[in-house]
Amino acid sequence: MRRVRQGATSRGSAERALTSVAAGATYAGDTHGGHERETGDQTGTKDGDSTQAPRLWHVTLSVSGARTPLQEIRRGLEQLAHDHPFLLTSRYAHDHAEIRYWEEARDLHDAAAVALRLWGEHRQTAKLPPWEIVGLEVIDRDTYHQRIAEGYGPLPATPVGVHPF
C-alpha cells in the first residue's frame, strides 16, 4: 500500500501543497505527560482511504547572516514568538539565532516543510534580519524525551522565551 499525504503532489512537481491539521481528540487521552508513544494510527475516511493522525515534532531551526544589532534581533524574535504562539525558546547572538518549538504535523516531511518556511514567512511582519537557514532538526516527541532522559540532545526548552546565547 502506498501512503500519500493529503494534498501532496508528485515528486516531479515544483510545488507541494500542504494541509493543516488539528489536534482534535488525538491528544485528549494524553494523561502521562506526553511520554507514551504516538503511534500515528491510520484513521479511515468516508471514501475508504486512510490518513495518518497528526503527531508532535520538536523543531530546532538555526539561522545565520550578517552582523545585526542585538536589540533588533531580540525585538524581531519577540515578535515572532507573538506571531507563532508555539515558539518555546529563541537564543540569539549578533550573527546567528536558534529557534525551538513544537509543531503538529502528519509526518516529518510536513513538519520540516513548515519549519523551512517559518523564517521567510515571518521576516517582514516580525522585521527579522535577512539571514538564511543554516540548520534544521526535526525529531518526534518520543525521540526528544528519550534524549532528555539519557542526558544528551537538546536541553529542555527552559527558560521559555527569547534569550542571548
N, C-alpha and C. Protein backbone atom coordinates (compact mmCIF):
# COMPACT_ATOMS: atom_id res chain seq x y z
N MET A 1 0.84 -1.17 0.00
CA MET A 1 0.00 0.00 0.00
C MET A 1 0.89 1.24 0.00
N ARG A 2 0.59 2.19 -0.81
CA ARG A 2 1.35 3.43 -0.93
C ARG A 2 0.69 4.51 -0.09
N ARG A 3 1.49 5.15 0.80
CA ARG A 3 0.97 6.24 1.62
C ARG A 3 1.28 7.56 0.96
N VAL A 4 0.28 8.40 0.82
CA VAL A 4 0.46 9.73 0.24
C VAL A 4 -0.17 10.73 1.17
N ARG A 5 0.55 11.80 1.46
CA ARG A 5 -0.02 12.86 2.28
C ARG A 5 -1.14 13.56 1.53
N GLN A 6 -2.18 13.86 2.26
CA GLN A 6 -3.30 14.59 1.67
C GLN A 6 -2.78 15.91 1.13
N GLY A 7 -3.09 16.21 -0.12
CA GLY A 7 -2.67 17.46 -0.73
C GLY A 7 -1.29 17.40 -1.35
N ALA A 8 -0.57 16.29 -1.20
CA ALA A 8 0.78 16.19 -1.77
C ALA A 8 0.69 15.95 -3.26
N THR A 9 1.65 16.47 -3.99
CA THR A 9 1.71 16.24 -5.42
C THR A 9 2.88 15.32 -5.71
N SER A 10 3.04 14.96 -6.97
CA SER A 10 4.10 14.03 -7.33
C SER A 10 5.46 14.63 -7.09
N ARG A 11 6.49 13.77 -6.95
CA ARG A 11 7.84 14.24 -6.67
C ARG A 11 8.38 15.14 -7.77
N GLY A 12 7.92 14.99 -8.98
CA GLY A 12 8.41 15.80 -10.08
C GLY A 12 7.83 17.20 -10.10
N SER A 13 6.86 17.44 -9.28
CA SER A 13 6.20 18.74 -9.25
C SER A 13 7.07 19.79 -8.57
N ALA A 14 6.98 21.01 -9.02
CA ALA A 14 7.79 22.09 -8.45
C ALA A 14 7.26 22.53 -7.09
N GLU A 15 5.97 22.32 -6.80
CA GLU A 15 5.38 22.75 -5.56
C GLU A 15 4.68 21.60 -4.87
N ARG A 16 4.64 21.64 -3.55
CA ARG A 16 3.88 20.66 -2.78
C ARG A 16 2.79 21.40 -2.04
N ALA A 17 1.59 20.93 -2.13
CA ALA A 17 0.50 21.53 -1.37
C ALA A 17 0.44 20.83 -0.02
N LEU A 18 0.44 21.60 1.05
CA LEU A 18 0.35 21.06 2.39
C LEU A 18 -0.99 21.44 2.99
N THR A 19 -1.49 20.58 3.83
CA THR A 19 -2.73 20.90 4.51
C THR A 19 -2.45 20.99 6.00
N SER A 20 -3.21 21.81 6.70
CA SER A 20 -3.03 21.91 8.13
C SER A 20 -3.85 20.84 8.82
N VAL A 21 -3.48 20.52 10.03
CA VAL A 21 -4.19 19.50 10.79
C VAL A 21 -4.53 20.07 12.16
N ALA A 22 -5.60 19.57 12.73
CA ALA A 22 -5.99 19.99 14.07
C ALA A 22 -5.82 18.80 15.01
N ALA A 23 -5.55 19.07 16.28
CA ALA A 23 -5.30 18.01 17.24
C ALA A 23 -6.54 17.16 17.46
N GLY A 24 -7.70 17.78 17.55
CA GLY A 24 -8.92 17.03 17.79
C GLY A 24 -8.80 16.15 19.02
N ALA A 25 -9.33 14.94 18.93
CA ALA A 25 -9.32 14.02 20.06
C ALA A 25 -8.03 13.24 20.15
N THR A 26 -7.12 13.40 19.21
CA THR A 26 -5.89 12.62 19.18
C THR A 26 -5.12 12.74 20.48
N TYR A 27 -5.05 13.93 21.06
CA TYR A 27 -4.26 14.14 22.27
C TYR A 27 -5.12 14.20 23.53
N ALA A 28 -6.43 13.99 23.39
CA ALA A 28 -7.33 14.10 24.53
C ALA A 28 -7.01 13.09 25.62
N GLY A 29 -6.58 11.90 25.25
CA GLY A 29 -6.28 10.87 26.23
C GLY A 29 -4.86 10.90 26.73
N ASP A 30 -4.13 11.93 26.46
CA ASP A 30 -2.73 12.05 26.83
C ASP A 30 -2.63 12.42 28.30
N THR A 31 -2.57 11.39 29.19
CA THR A 31 -2.56 11.65 30.62
C THR A 31 -1.22 11.37 31.26
N HIS A 32 -0.23 10.96 30.50
CA HIS A 32 1.07 10.61 31.06
C HIS A 32 2.12 11.66 30.77
N GLY A 33 1.72 12.90 30.63
CA GLY A 33 2.67 13.98 30.42
C GLY A 33 3.34 13.93 29.06
N GLY A 34 2.73 13.22 28.10
CA GLY A 34 3.28 13.19 26.76
C GLY A 34 4.42 12.22 26.56
N HIS A 35 4.58 11.22 27.48
CA HIS A 35 5.71 10.32 27.36
C HIS A 35 5.38 9.01 26.66
N GLU A 36 4.09 8.73 26.41
CA GLU A 36 3.81 7.50 25.70
C GLU A 36 3.96 7.71 24.21
N ARG A 37 4.03 6.65 23.48
CA ARG A 37 4.33 6.72 22.06
C ARG A 37 3.12 7.14 21.25
N GLU A 38 3.31 8.11 20.37
CA GLU A 38 2.29 8.47 19.38
C GLU A 38 2.44 7.46 18.26
N THR A 39 1.42 6.73 17.97
CA THR A 39 1.54 5.64 17.01
C THR A 39 1.34 6.07 15.58
N GLY A 40 0.74 7.21 15.38
CA GLY A 40 0.46 7.62 14.00
C GLY A 40 -0.56 6.69 13.38
N ASP A 41 -1.54 6.25 14.18
CA ASP A 41 -2.56 5.31 13.71
C ASP A 41 -3.26 5.83 12.48
N GLN A 42 -3.65 4.91 11.65
CA GLN A 42 -4.39 5.26 10.45
C GLN A 42 -5.86 5.43 10.82
N THR A 43 -6.49 6.45 10.30
CA THR A 43 -7.92 6.66 10.51
C THR A 43 -8.61 6.64 9.17
N GLY A 44 -9.74 5.98 9.11
CA GLY A 44 -10.46 5.85 7.85
C GLY A 44 -11.29 7.08 7.55
N THR A 45 -11.56 7.30 6.27
CA THR A 45 -12.43 8.39 5.86
C THR A 45 -13.63 7.78 5.14
N LYS A 46 -14.60 8.61 4.83
CA LYS A 46 -15.81 8.10 4.19
C LYS A 46 -15.53 7.54 2.80
N ASP A 47 -14.44 7.94 2.16
CA ASP A 47 -14.11 7.42 0.84
C ASP A 47 -13.33 6.11 0.91
N GLY A 48 -13.02 5.65 2.13
CA GLY A 48 -12.32 4.39 2.27
C GLY A 48 -10.81 4.52 2.31
N ASP A 49 -10.25 5.71 2.02
CA ASP A 49 -8.80 5.85 2.12
C ASP A 49 -8.44 6.14 3.57
N SER A 50 -7.17 6.10 3.89
CA SER A 50 -6.77 6.35 5.27
C SER A 50 -5.76 7.48 5.31
N THR A 51 -5.78 8.19 6.44
CA THR A 51 -4.84 9.28 6.64
C THR A 51 -4.16 9.06 7.98
N GLN A 52 -2.96 9.57 8.11
CA GLN A 52 -2.22 9.41 9.35
C GLN A 52 -2.61 10.50 10.33
N ALA A 53 -2.83 10.13 11.59
CA ALA A 53 -3.18 11.09 12.62
C ALA A 53 -2.00 12.03 12.87
N PRO A 54 -2.25 13.28 13.24
CA PRO A 54 -1.16 14.22 13.48
C PRO A 54 -0.33 13.80 14.69
N ARG A 55 0.95 14.19 14.67
CA ARG A 55 1.88 13.92 15.75
C ARG A 55 2.59 15.21 16.11
N LEU A 56 3.27 15.21 17.25
CA LEU A 56 4.06 16.37 17.66
C LEU A 56 5.52 16.14 17.31
N TRP A 57 6.16 17.19 16.78
CA TRP A 57 7.56 17.15 16.36
C TRP A 57 8.29 18.30 17.04
N HIS A 58 9.47 18.02 17.59
CA HIS A 58 10.28 19.09 18.17
C HIS A 58 11.19 19.63 17.08
N VAL A 59 11.13 20.92 16.86
CA VAL A 59 11.87 21.57 15.76
C VAL A 59 12.92 22.51 16.34
N THR A 60 14.14 22.41 15.80
CA THR A 60 15.20 23.36 16.11
C THR A 60 15.64 23.96 14.78
N LEU A 61 15.44 25.24 14.62
CA LEU A 61 15.78 25.95 13.40
C LEU A 61 16.93 26.90 13.69
N SER A 62 18.03 26.79 12.93
CA SER A 62 19.19 27.66 13.11
C SER A 62 19.32 28.58 11.90
N VAL A 63 19.52 29.87 12.17
CA VAL A 63 19.68 30.86 11.10
C VAL A 63 20.96 31.65 11.35
N SER A 64 21.52 32.19 10.28
CA SER A 64 22.76 32.93 10.40
C SER A 64 22.85 33.94 9.27
N GLY A 65 23.65 35.00 9.52
CA GLY A 65 23.83 36.02 8.49
C GLY A 65 24.70 37.16 8.97
N ALA A 66 24.52 38.29 8.32
CA ALA A 66 25.32 39.49 8.61
C ALA A 66 25.09 39.96 10.04
N ARG A 67 26.11 40.53 10.60
CA ARG A 67 26.05 41.07 11.96
C ARG A 67 24.91 42.09 12.07
N THR A 68 24.11 41.95 13.11
CA THR A 68 22.94 42.79 13.31
C THR A 68 22.90 43.22 14.78
N PRO A 69 22.46 44.44 15.08
CA PRO A 69 22.38 44.87 16.48
C PRO A 69 21.47 43.93 17.29
N LEU A 70 21.93 43.60 18.50
CA LEU A 70 21.19 42.66 19.35
C LEU A 70 19.77 43.11 19.65
N GLN A 71 19.56 44.43 19.81
CA GLN A 71 18.22 44.93 20.12
C GLN A 71 17.24 44.61 18.99
N GLU A 72 17.70 44.74 17.74
CA GLU A 72 16.84 44.44 16.59
C GLU A 72 16.50 42.95 16.53
N ILE A 73 17.49 42.12 16.80
CA ILE A 73 17.26 40.66 16.77
C ILE A 73 16.28 40.28 17.85
N ARG A 74 16.50 40.77 19.07
CA ARG A 74 15.60 40.45 20.18
C ARG A 74 14.17 40.88 19.88
N ARG A 75 14.01 42.12 19.40
CA ARG A 75 12.66 42.61 19.08
C ARG A 75 12.00 41.73 18.03
N GLY A 76 12.75 41.36 16.99
CA GLY A 76 12.20 40.51 15.94
C GLY A 76 11.81 39.14 16.44
N LEU A 77 12.65 38.54 17.28
CA LEU A 77 12.33 37.21 17.82
C LEU A 77 11.14 37.27 18.79
N GLU A 78 11.03 38.35 19.54
CA GLU A 78 9.87 38.51 20.42
C GLU A 78 8.59 38.65 19.59
N GLN A 79 8.66 39.37 18.48
CA GLN A 79 7.50 39.49 17.61
C GLN A 79 7.17 38.14 16.98
N LEU A 80 8.20 37.39 16.58
CA LEU A 80 7.98 36.05 16.02
C LEU A 80 7.28 35.16 17.04
N ALA A 81 7.72 35.24 18.30
CA ALA A 81 7.08 34.45 19.36
C ALA A 81 5.61 34.84 19.53
N HIS A 82 5.32 36.13 19.34
CA HIS A 82 3.93 36.58 19.42
C HIS A 82 3.12 36.07 18.22
N ASP A 83 3.72 36.12 17.03
CA ASP A 83 3.05 35.67 15.80
C ASP A 83 2.89 34.16 15.73
N HIS A 84 3.86 33.44 16.28
CA HIS A 84 3.89 31.98 16.22
C HIS A 84 3.80 31.47 17.66
N PRO A 85 2.59 31.30 18.20
CA PRO A 85 2.42 31.06 19.64
C PRO A 85 3.03 29.76 20.17
N PHE A 86 3.45 28.84 19.31
CA PHE A 86 4.02 27.59 19.80
C PHE A 86 5.52 27.67 19.97
N LEU A 87 6.09 28.86 19.75
CA LEU A 87 7.52 29.05 19.93
C LEU A 87 7.88 28.83 21.39
N LEU A 88 8.84 27.96 21.65
CA LEU A 88 9.25 27.69 23.02
C LEU A 88 10.35 28.62 23.47
N THR A 89 11.42 28.64 22.71
CA THR A 89 12.55 29.44 23.12
C THR A 89 13.36 29.86 21.91
N SER A 90 14.00 31.01 22.03
CA SER A 90 14.90 31.50 21.00
C SER A 90 16.17 31.96 21.69
N ARG A 91 17.30 31.66 21.06
CA ARG A 91 18.58 32.17 21.54
C ARG A 91 19.20 32.92 20.37
N TYR A 92 19.94 33.97 20.68
CA TYR A 92 20.47 34.79 19.59
C TYR A 92 21.81 35.41 19.95
N ALA A 93 22.54 35.75 18.92
CA ALA A 93 23.80 36.49 19.02
C ALA A 93 23.78 37.48 17.86
N HIS A 94 24.87 38.25 17.68
CA HIS A 94 24.92 39.26 16.62
C HIS A 94 24.73 38.69 15.21
N ASP A 95 25.15 37.45 14.99
CA ASP A 95 25.14 36.92 13.63
C ASP A 95 24.45 35.57 13.48
N HIS A 96 23.77 35.08 14.52
CA HIS A 96 23.05 33.82 14.39
C HIS A 96 21.97 33.70 15.48
N ALA A 97 21.03 32.80 15.25
CA ALA A 97 19.97 32.56 16.22
C ALA A 97 19.49 31.12 16.09
N GLU A 98 18.86 30.65 17.15
CA GLU A 98 18.29 29.31 17.18
C GLU A 98 16.88 29.41 17.73
N ILE A 99 15.94 28.80 17.06
CA ILE A 99 14.53 28.83 17.44
C ILE A 99 14.09 27.40 17.68
N ARG A 100 13.43 27.18 18.81
CA ARG A 100 12.94 25.83 19.14
C ARG A 100 11.46 25.89 19.48
N TYR A 101 10.72 24.93 18.93
CA TYR A 101 9.28 24.90 19.17
C TYR A 101 8.73 23.53 18.82
N TRP A 102 7.47 23.30 19.18
CA TRP A 102 6.76 22.06 18.83
C TRP A 102 5.86 22.36 17.64
N GLU A 103 5.85 21.44 16.71
CA GLU A 103 5.00 21.55 15.52
C GLU A 103 4.10 20.33 15.47
N GLU A 104 2.84 20.53 15.15
CA GLU A 104 1.92 19.41 14.97
C GLU A 104 1.79 19.17 13.47
N ALA A 105 2.10 17.95 13.04
CA ALA A 105 2.03 17.63 11.61
C ALA A 105 1.82 16.13 11.46
N ARG A 106 1.36 15.76 10.28
CA ARG A 106 1.09 14.36 9.98
C ARG A 106 2.36 13.53 9.95
N ASP A 107 3.44 14.09 9.39
CA ASP A 107 4.70 13.35 9.31
C ASP A 107 5.88 14.32 9.29
N LEU A 108 7.08 13.78 9.29
CA LEU A 108 8.28 14.60 9.34
C LEU A 108 8.38 15.54 8.15
N HIS A 109 7.99 15.08 6.97
CA HIS A 109 8.07 15.92 5.77
C HIS A 109 7.25 17.20 5.93
N ASP A 110 6.04 17.06 6.46
CA ASP A 110 5.19 18.24 6.64
C ASP A 110 5.75 19.16 7.72
N ALA A 111 6.24 18.59 8.83
CA ALA A 111 6.81 19.41 9.90
C ALA A 111 8.04 20.17 9.41
N ALA A 112 8.89 19.50 8.64
CA ALA A 112 10.09 20.15 8.11
C ALA A 112 9.73 21.24 7.10
N ALA A 113 8.73 21.00 6.27
CA ALA A 113 8.32 22.00 5.28
C ALA A 113 7.82 23.27 5.96
N VAL A 114 7.04 23.10 7.01
CA VAL A 114 6.54 24.27 7.75
C VAL A 114 7.72 25.00 8.41
N ALA A 115 8.64 24.25 8.99
CA ALA A 115 9.81 24.86 9.66
C ALA A 115 10.67 25.64 8.67
N LEU A 116 10.86 25.10 7.48
CA LEU A 116 11.69 25.78 6.49
C LEU A 116 11.06 27.07 5.97
N ARG A 117 9.74 27.18 6.09
CA ARG A 117 9.07 28.41 5.66
C ARG A 117 8.95 29.44 6.77
N LEU A 118 9.13 29.03 8.02
CA LEU A 118 8.87 29.90 9.17
C LEU A 118 9.63 31.22 9.11
N TRP A 119 10.93 31.18 8.93
CA TRP A 119 11.75 32.41 8.95
C TRP A 119 11.36 33.35 7.81
N GLY A 120 11.26 32.82 6.61
CA GLY A 120 10.93 33.64 5.46
C GLY A 120 9.55 34.25 5.51
N GLU A 121 8.58 33.47 5.97
CA GLU A 121 7.20 33.97 6.01
C GLU A 121 7.01 35.04 7.08
N HIS A 122 7.80 35.01 8.13
CA HIS A 122 7.65 35.99 9.21
C HIS A 122 8.70 37.10 9.16
N ARG A 123 9.58 37.04 8.16
CA ARG A 123 10.67 38.02 8.10
C ARG A 123 10.15 39.45 7.99
N GLN A 124 9.15 39.68 7.17
CA GLN A 124 8.61 41.04 7.00
C GLN A 124 7.80 41.48 8.22
N THR A 125 6.86 40.64 8.66
CA THR A 125 5.97 41.04 9.75
C THR A 125 6.71 41.19 11.07
N ALA A 126 7.69 40.35 11.34
CA ALA A 126 8.44 40.43 12.59
C ALA A 126 9.70 41.28 12.45
N LYS A 127 9.98 41.74 11.24
CA LYS A 127 11.19 42.53 10.96
C LYS A 127 12.44 41.79 11.40
N LEU A 128 12.53 40.53 10.95
CA LEU A 128 13.69 39.69 11.25
C LEU A 128 14.82 40.02 10.29
N PRO A 129 16.07 39.78 10.67
CA PRO A 129 17.19 40.04 9.76
C PRO A 129 17.10 39.14 8.52
N PRO A 130 17.70 39.56 7.41
CA PRO A 130 17.64 38.75 6.18
C PRO A 130 18.66 37.60 6.22
N TRP A 131 18.58 36.80 7.26
CA TRP A 131 19.50 35.68 7.43
C TRP A 131 18.98 34.46 6.70
N GLU A 132 19.89 33.51 6.49
CA GLU A 132 19.49 32.26 5.84
C GLU A 132 19.42 31.14 6.87
N ILE A 133 18.62 30.14 6.55
CA ILE A 133 18.52 28.96 7.41
C ILE A 133 19.78 28.13 7.17
N VAL A 134 20.49 27.81 8.26
CA VAL A 134 21.72 27.04 8.15
C VAL A 134 21.62 25.68 8.84
N GLY A 135 20.51 25.43 9.52
CA GLY A 135 20.35 24.14 10.18
C GLY A 135 18.91 23.89 10.54
N LEU A 136 18.54 22.61 10.49
CA LEU A 136 17.18 22.21 10.85
C LEU A 136 17.24 20.82 11.44
N GLU A 137 16.65 20.66 12.62
CA GLU A 137 16.48 19.33 13.20
C GLU A 137 15.01 19.18 13.55
N VAL A 138 14.42 18.09 13.11
CA VAL A 138 13.04 17.77 13.42
C VAL A 138 13.02 16.35 13.97
N ILE A 139 12.59 16.20 15.22
CA ILE A 139 12.53 14.88 15.84
C ILE A 139 11.16 14.66 16.45
N ASP A 140 10.74 13.41 16.52
CA ASP A 140 9.43 13.14 17.10
C ASP A 140 9.49 13.26 18.62
N ARG A 141 8.34 13.29 19.24
CA ARG A 141 8.24 13.53 20.68
C ARG A 141 8.95 12.44 21.48
N ASP A 142 8.81 11.19 21.06
CA ASP A 142 9.48 10.10 21.78
C ASP A 142 10.99 10.24 21.75
N THR A 143 11.53 10.58 20.60
CA THR A 143 12.97 10.74 20.47
C THR A 143 13.44 11.89 21.34
N TYR A 144 12.70 12.99 21.37
CA TYR A 144 13.05 14.13 22.20
C TYR A 144 13.12 13.71 23.67
N HIS A 145 12.08 13.03 24.15
CA HIS A 145 12.04 12.63 25.56
C HIS A 145 13.11 11.57 25.88
N GLN A 146 13.39 10.70 24.92
CA GLN A 146 14.44 9.70 25.12
C GLN A 146 15.80 10.38 25.27
N ARG A 147 16.10 11.37 24.42
CA ARG A 147 17.36 12.10 24.51
C ARG A 147 17.49 12.80 25.85
N ILE A 148 16.43 13.44 26.30
CA ILE A 148 16.46 14.15 27.57
C ILE A 148 16.71 13.16 28.72
N ALA A 149 16.01 12.02 28.69
CA ALA A 149 16.17 11.02 29.74
C ALA A 149 17.59 10.45 29.78
N GLU A 150 18.23 10.34 28.61
CA GLU A 150 19.59 9.79 28.55
C GLU A 150 20.65 10.86 28.79
N GLY A 151 20.25 12.10 28.96
CA GLY A 151 21.17 13.17 29.30
C GLY A 151 21.90 13.78 28.12
N TYR A 152 21.41 13.60 26.92
CA TYR A 152 22.01 14.25 25.76
C TYR A 152 20.92 14.80 24.86
N GLY A 153 21.32 15.44 23.81
CA GLY A 153 20.34 16.05 22.92
C GLY A 153 20.03 17.46 23.37
N PRO A 154 19.03 18.08 22.76
CA PRO A 154 18.70 19.47 23.12
C PRO A 154 18.22 19.53 24.56
N LEU A 155 18.72 20.49 25.30
CA LEU A 155 18.26 20.67 26.67
C LEU A 155 16.81 21.07 26.66
N PRO A 156 16.08 20.75 27.71
CA PRO A 156 14.67 21.17 27.76
C PRO A 156 14.57 22.68 27.54
N ALA A 157 13.53 23.09 26.90
CA ALA A 157 13.37 24.49 26.50
C ALA A 157 12.98 25.35 27.70
N THR A 158 13.89 25.47 28.64
CA THR A 158 13.68 26.35 29.78
C THR A 158 14.90 27.20 29.95
N PRO A 159 14.83 28.41 30.25
CA PRO A 159 13.58 29.13 30.39
C PRO A 159 12.96 29.45 29.04
N VAL A 160 11.64 29.43 29.01
CA VAL A 160 10.93 29.74 27.79
C VAL A 160 11.10 31.23 27.49
N GLY A 161 11.23 31.58 26.22
CA GLY A 161 11.34 32.97 25.86
C GLY A 161 12.50 33.24 24.92
N VAL A 162 12.87 34.50 24.81
CA VAL A 162 13.93 34.95 23.92
C VAL A 162 15.12 35.35 24.79
N HIS A 163 16.28 34.71 24.54
CA HIS A 163 17.46 34.93 25.37
C HIS A 163 18.72 35.00 24.52
N PRO A 164 19.73 35.78 24.97
CA PRO A 164 21.01 35.77 24.27
C PRO A 164 21.73 34.43 24.51
N PHE A 165 22.64 34.07 23.60
CA PHE A 165 23.45 32.85 23.78
C PHE A 165 24.33 33.02 24.98
